[in-house]
Amino acid sequence: MAGKMLNFEDPRSKLFFEYVRVLKEVKPKYFLLENVKMKKEWQDIITREL
């Protein structure tokens, strides 16, 4: 895998949680989220948040 795989400790991952916050507030009928391949553990965290 490319990159350093810094997990959710990477400051750039905060964008994901901000995205989740906005989705919960706006409650759109549809949304699109694109991401790169990641560890199963991280997928579980993202799925739980959504």
N, C-alpha and C. Protein backbone atom coordinates (compact mmCIF):
# COMPACT_ATOMS: atom_id res chain seq x y z
N MET A 1 0.83 -1.18 0.00
CA MET A 1 0.00 0.00 0.00
C MET A 1 0.87 1.24 0.00
N ALA A 2 0.42 2.23 -0.68
CA ALA A 2 1.16 3.48 -0.75
C ALA A 2 0.92 4.32 0.50
N GLY A 3 1.79 5.26 0.75
CA GLY A 3 1.61 6.18 1.88
C GLY A 3 2.13 5.61 3.18
N LYS A 4 2.04 6.44 4.20
CA LYS A 4 2.57 6.05 5.51
C LYS A 4 1.54 5.35 6.38
N MET A 5 0.26 5.33 5.96
CA MET A 5 -0.79 4.66 6.72
C MET A 5 -0.81 5.14 8.16
N LEU A 6 -1.02 6.42 8.35
CA LEU A 6 -0.97 7.02 9.67
C LEU A 6 -2.26 6.85 10.47
N ASN A 7 -3.24 6.15 9.89
CA ASN A 7 -4.44 5.88 10.66
C ASN A 7 -5.24 7.17 10.84
N PHE A 8 -6.09 7.19 11.83
CA PHE A 8 -6.88 8.38 12.12
C PHE A 8 -6.10 9.41 12.92
N GLU A 9 -4.83 9.13 13.19
CA GLU A 9 -3.96 10.09 13.86
C GLU A 9 -3.46 11.15 12.87
N ASP A 10 -3.54 10.85 11.61
CA ASP A 10 -3.12 11.78 10.57
C ASP A 10 -4.09 12.97 10.55
N PRO A 11 -3.58 14.19 10.62
CA PRO A 11 -4.46 15.37 10.62
C PRO A 11 -5.40 15.42 9.41
N ARG A 12 -5.00 14.82 8.32
CA ARG A 12 -5.85 14.83 7.12
C ARG A 12 -7.11 14.00 7.32
N SER A 13 -7.10 13.04 8.25
CA SER A 13 -8.27 12.20 8.47
C SER A 13 -9.39 12.97 9.15
N LYS A 14 -9.10 14.11 9.72
CA LYS A 14 -10.13 14.93 10.36
C LYS A 14 -11.20 15.35 9.35
N LEU A 15 -10.83 15.44 8.11
CA LEU A 15 -11.78 15.81 7.06
C LEU A 15 -12.92 14.80 7.00
N PHE A 16 -12.61 13.52 7.17
CA PHE A 16 -13.66 12.50 7.14
C PHE A 16 -14.69 12.77 8.24
N PHE A 17 -14.23 13.04 9.44
CA PHE A 17 -15.15 13.24 10.56
C PHE A 17 -15.94 14.54 10.40
N GLU A 18 -15.36 15.52 9.77
CA GLU A 18 -16.09 16.75 9.48
C GLU A 18 -17.18 16.46 8.43
N TYR A 19 -16.86 15.64 7.48
CA TYR A 19 -17.82 15.22 6.46
C TYR A 19 -19.01 14.51 7.12
N VAL A 20 -18.73 13.61 8.05
CA VAL A 20 -19.78 12.89 8.77
C VAL A 20 -20.64 13.88 9.56
N ARG A 21 -20.02 14.84 10.21
CA ARG A 21 -20.76 15.84 10.99
C ARG A 21 -21.74 16.60 10.09
N VAL A 22 -21.25 17.03 8.93
CA VAL A 22 -22.10 17.78 8.00
C VAL A 22 -23.24 16.90 7.48
N LEU A 23 -22.95 15.66 7.15
CA LEU A 23 -23.99 14.75 6.67
C LEU A 23 -25.09 14.57 7.72
N LYS A 24 -24.71 14.43 8.97
CA LYS A 24 -25.70 14.27 10.03
C LYS A 24 -26.54 15.52 10.21
N GLU A 25 -25.95 16.66 10.00
CA GLU A 25 -26.66 17.93 10.15
C GLU A 25 -27.58 18.21 8.96
N VAL A 26 -27.08 18.02 7.76
CA VAL A 26 -27.82 18.36 6.54
C VAL A 26 -28.82 17.26 6.15
N LYS A 27 -28.47 16.02 6.42
CA LYS A 27 -29.29 14.85 6.10
C LYS A 27 -29.74 14.84 4.63
N PRO A 28 -28.77 14.80 3.72
CA PRO A 28 -29.13 14.80 2.30
C PRO A 28 -29.81 13.48 1.90
N LYS A 29 -30.59 13.53 0.86
CA LYS A 29 -31.23 12.31 0.37
C LYS A 29 -30.19 11.34 -0.18
N TYR A 30 -29.17 11.88 -0.83
CA TYR A 30 -28.07 11.09 -1.39
C TYR A 30 -26.75 11.77 -1.08
N PHE A 31 -25.70 11.00 -1.06
CA PHE A 31 -24.36 11.56 -0.94
C PHE A 31 -23.37 10.58 -1.55
N LEU A 32 -22.22 11.07 -1.89
CA LEU A 32 -21.17 10.26 -2.49
C LEU A 32 -19.90 10.45 -1.69
N LEU A 33 -19.29 9.37 -1.30
CA LEU A 33 -18.03 9.41 -0.57
C LEU A 33 -17.08 8.46 -1.27
N GLU A 34 -15.97 8.97 -1.70
CA GLU A 34 -14.96 8.16 -2.36
C GLU A 34 -13.75 8.06 -1.45
N ASN A 35 -13.17 6.90 -1.39
CA ASN A 35 -12.01 6.71 -0.54
C ASN A 35 -11.07 5.71 -1.20
N VAL A 36 -9.90 5.59 -0.66
CA VAL A 36 -8.92 4.64 -1.18
C VAL A 36 -8.97 3.37 -0.35
N LYS A 37 -8.37 2.31 -0.86
CA LYS A 37 -8.32 1.05 -0.13
C LYS A 37 -7.65 1.27 1.22
N MET A 38 -8.21 0.63 2.25
CA MET A 38 -7.68 0.82 3.59
C MET A 38 -7.80 -0.45 4.41
N LYS A 39 -7.25 -0.42 5.58
CA LYS A 39 -7.33 -1.57 6.48
C LYS A 39 -8.77 -1.80 6.93
N LYS A 40 -9.11 -3.06 7.17
CA LYS A 40 -10.46 -3.44 7.60
C LYS A 40 -10.87 -2.69 8.86
N GLU A 41 -9.96 -2.52 9.79
CA GLU A 41 -10.24 -1.81 11.05
C GLU A 41 -10.75 -0.39 10.76
N TRP A 42 -10.13 0.28 9.82
CA TRP A 42 -10.53 1.65 9.48
C TRP A 42 -11.88 1.65 8.78
N GLN A 43 -12.12 0.63 7.95
CA GLN A 43 -13.42 0.52 7.28
C GLN A 43 -14.53 0.38 8.32
N ASP A 44 -14.27 -0.40 9.36
CA ASP A 44 -15.27 -0.59 10.41
C ASP A 44 -15.58 0.72 11.13
N ILE A 45 -14.57 1.52 11.40
CA ILE A 45 -14.77 2.82 12.06
C ILE A 45 -15.60 3.73 11.17
N ILE A 46 -15.27 3.78 9.90
CA ILE A 46 -16.01 4.64 8.96
C ILE A 46 -17.45 4.17 8.83
N THR A 47 -17.66 2.87 8.72
CA THR A 47 -19.02 2.33 8.62
C THR A 47 -19.83 2.68 9.86
N ARG A 48 -19.23 2.56 11.01
CA ARG A 48 -19.92 2.88 12.27
C ARG A 48 -20.32 4.35 12.31
N GLU A 49 -19.44 5.23 11.86
CA GLU A 49 -19.73 6.67 11.88
C GLU A 49 -20.85 7.05 10.92
N LEU A 50 -20.90 6.37 9.78
CA LEU A 50 -21.94 6.68 8.80
C LEU A 50 -23.25 6.05 9.20
